[in-house]
C-alpha atoms as a PDB file:
ATOM      1  CA  MET A   1       0.000   0.000   0.000  1.00  0.00           C
ATOM      2  CA  GLU A   2       1.310   3.416  -0.958  1.00  0.00           C
ATOM      3  CA  THR A   3       1.869   5.860   1.881  1.00  0.00           C
ATOM      4  CA  LEU A   4       0.437   9.351   1.518  1.00  0.00           C
ATOM      5  CA  TYR A   5       2.717  12.164   2.542  1.00  0.00           C
ATOM      6  CA  LYS A   6       0.814  15.350   3.344  1.00  0.00           C
ATOM      7  CA  ASP A   7       2.651  18.364   4.626  1.00  0.00           C
ATOM      8  CA  ILE A   8       3.199  22.060   4.146  1.00  0.00           C
ATOM      9  CA  LEU A   9       4.372  22.636   0.576  1.00  0.00           C
ATOM     10  CA  LEU A  10       7.267  24.807  -0.454  1.00  0.00           C
ATOM     11  CA  ASN A  11       7.471  27.049  -3.507  1.00  0.00           C
ATOM     12  CA  GLN A  12      10.294  27.158  -6.092  1.00  0.00           C
ATOM     13  CA  ASP A  13      12.432  29.186  -3.679  1.00  0.00           C
ATOM     14  CA  ASN A  14      11.956  26.601  -0.888  1.00  0.00           C
ATOM     15  CA  ASP A  15       9.840  29.053   1.080  1.00  0.00           C
ATOM     16  CA  ILE A  16       6.430  28.175   2.501  1.00  0.00           C
ATOM     17  CA  ASP A  17       3.870  28.296  -0.314  1.00  0.00           C
ATOM     18  CA  PHE A  18       0.775  30.455   0.196  1.00  0.00           C
ATOM     19  CA  LEU A  19      -2.469  30.566  -1.770  1.00  0.00           C
ATOM     20  CA  ASN A  20      -4.919  33.383  -1.026  1.00  0.00           C
ATOM     21  CA  GLY A  21      -3.119  34.014   2.273  1.00  0.00           C
ATOM     22  CA  ASP A  22      -3.301  30.387   3.422  1.00  0.00           C
ATOM     23  CA  ILE A  23      -0.453  27.916   3.748  1.00  0.00           C
ATOM     24  CA  VAL A  24      -0.663  25.275   1.007  1.00  0.00           C
ATOM     25  CA  ILE A  25      -0.920  21.677   2.227  1.00  0.00           C
ATOM     26  CA  GLY A  26      -0.554  18.775  -0.168  1.00  0.00           C
ATOM     27  CA  GLU A  27       1.269  15.673  -1.350  1.00  0.00           C
ATOM     28  CA  SER A  28       4.844  16.161  -0.163  1.00  0.00           C
ATOM     29  CA  LEU A  29       6.697  12.929  -0.955  1.00  0.00           C
ATOM     30  CA  LEU A  30       8.696  14.277  -3.888  1.00  0.00           C
ATOM     31  CA  GLN A  31       9.367  17.512  -2.038  1.00  0.00           C
ATOM     32  CA  GLU A  32      10.720  15.586   0.955  1.00  0.00           C
ATOM     33  CA  VAL A  33      12.845  13.351  -1.282  1.00  0.00           C
ATOM     34  CA  GLY A  34      14.168  16.422  -3.087  1.00  0.00           C
ATOM     35  CA  ILE A  35      15.292  17.908   0.184  1.00  0.00           C
ATOM     36  CA  ILE A  36      16.924  14.664   1.323  1.00  0.00           C
ATOM     37  CA  VAL A  37      18.936  14.192  -1.876  1.00  0.00           C
ATOM     38  CA  THR A  38      20.401  17.696  -1.555  1.00  0.00           C
ATOM     39  CA  LEU A  39      21.609  17.129   2.010  1.00  0.00           C
ATOM     40  CA  ASN A  40      25.128  16.365   3.102  1.00  0.00           C
ATOM     41  CA  SER A  41      25.883  14.545   6.327  1.00  0.00           C
ATOM     42  CA  GLY A  42      25.822  17.039   9.177  1.00  0.00           C
ATOM     43  CA  ASP A  43      23.358  19.454   7.538  1.00  0.00           C
ATOM     44  CA  LEU A  44      20.530  18.543   9.940  1.00  0.00           C
ATOM     45  CA  LYS A  45      21.055  19.053  13.644  1.00  0.00           C
ATOM     46  CA  SER A  46      18.177  16.650  14.380  1.00  0.00           C
ATOM     47  CA  ASP A  47      19.747  13.852  12.288  1.00  0.00           C
ATOM     48  CA  PRO A  48      23.383  14.610  11.456  1.00  0.00           C
ATOM     49  CA  ILE A  49      23.863  11.283   9.657  1.00  0.00           C
ATOM     50  CA  LEU A  50      21.059  11.918   7.135  1.00  0.00           C
ATOM     51  CA  GLY A  51      22.441  13.205   3.858  1.00  0.00           C
ATOM     52  CA  PRO A  52      23.694  11.124   0.940  1.00  0.00           C
ATOM     53  CA  ASN A  53      26.519  13.537  -0.013  1.00  0.00           C
ATOM     54  CA  LEU A  54      25.656  13.077  -3.690  1.00  0.00           C
ATOM     55  CA  ILE A  55      27.945  15.903  -4.808  1.00  0.00           C
ATOM     56  CA  GLN A  56      30.879  13.999  -3.318  1.00  0.00           C
ATOM     57  CA  LEU A  57      29.802  10.845  -5.163  1.00  0.00           C
ATOM     58  CA  LEU A  58      29.281  12.583  -8.473  1.00  0.00           C
ATOM     59  CA  LYS A  59      32.751  14.159  -8.314  1.00  0.00           C
ATOM     60  CA  SER A  60      34.360  10.760  -7.785  1.00  0.00           C
ATOM     61  CA  LYS A  61      34.589   7.653  -9.897  1.00  0.00           C
ATOM     62  CA  THR A  62      31.244   6.061  -9.146  1.00  0.00           C
ATOM     63  CA  ASN A  63      28.516   4.124 -10.859  1.00  0.00           C
ATOM     64  CA  ALA A  64      24.728   4.167 -10.821  1.00  0.00           C
ATOM     65  CA  THR A  65      24.594   1.235  -8.403  1.00  0.00           C
ATOM     66  CA  GLU A  66      26.581   3.135  -5.768  1.00  0.00           C
ATOM     67  CA  VAL A  67      24.365   6.210  -6.145  1.00  0.00           C
ATOM     68  CA  GLU A  68      21.198   4.094  -5.930  1.00  0.00           C
ATOM     69  CA  GLN A  69      22.461   2.273  -2.826  1.00  0.00           C
ATOM     70  CA  ARG A  70      23.270   5.521  -1.067  1.00  0.00           C
ATOM     71  CA  LEU A  71      19.847   6.912  -1.962  1.00  0.00           C
ATOM     72  CA  ARG A  72      18.156   3.736  -0.680  1.00  0.00           C
ATOM     73  CA  VAL A  73      19.955   3.989   2.670  1.00  0.00           C
ATOM     74  CA  HIS A  74      19.206   7.661   3.235  1.00  0.00           C
ATOM     75  CA  LEU A  75      15.594   7.484   2.089  1.00  0.00           C
ATOM     76  CA  ALA A  76      15.066   4.494   4.401  1.00  0.00           C
ATOM     77  CA  ARG A  77      16.630   6.483   7.239  1.00  0.00           C
ATOM     78  CA  ASP A  78      13.771   8.958   6.763  1.00  0.00           C
ATOM     79  CA  GLY A  79      11.159   6.184   6.512  1.00  0.00           C
ATOM     80  CA  LYS A  80      10.773   6.250   2.750  1.00  0.00           C
ATOM     81  CA  ASP A  81      10.853   3.274   0.413  1.00  0.00           C
ATOM     82  CA  TYR A  82      13.110   3.743  -2.622  1.00  0.00           C
ATOM     83  CA  ASN A  83      10.844   1.641  -4.856  1.00  0.00           C
ATOM     84  CA  GLU A  84       7.753   3.624  -3.835  1.00  0.00           C
ATOM     85  CA  VAL A  85       9.572   6.872  -4.595  1.00  0.00           C
ATOM     86  CA  LYS A  86      10.669   5.516  -7.961  1.00  0.00           C
ATOM     87  CA  LYS A  87       7.063   4.535  -8.836  1.00  0.00           C
ATOM     88  CA  HIS A  88       5.866   7.967  -7.749  1.00  0.00           C
ATOM     89  CA  ILE A  89       8.421   9.652  -9.979  1.00  0.00           C
ATOM     90  CA  GLU A  90       7.434   7.443 -12.930  1.00  0.00           C
ATOM     91  CA  LEU A  91       3.756   8.197 -12.262  1.00  0.00           C
ATOM     92  CA  TYR A  92       4.413  11.921 -12.680  1.00  0.00           C
ATOM     93  CA  GLY A  93       6.657  11.406 -15.701  1.00  0.00           C
ATOM     94  CA  ILE A  94       9.693  12.906 -14.010  1.00  0.00           C
ATOM     95  CA  SER A  95      13.069  11.582 -15.060  1.00  0.00           C
END
């Protein structure tokens, strides 16, 4: 069963999104994943281990399997299933 992620949504500038003066609430899975993949270890005081350090990986000799494994570990750390995220991305035609 697919988990629904509802939360406060952010706009393109990563600020809280407002519509007619109200905070926008909606499906937040991809937003949350987007934030996680940009993190480096130590960025979050509440979870200093969370952060796949993808920039470090991309600057080194790496392959897609290593990137995927790191994403799996860090998404799982935040309670997200890599395969569910992948399906969600495919559903919205994002690649």
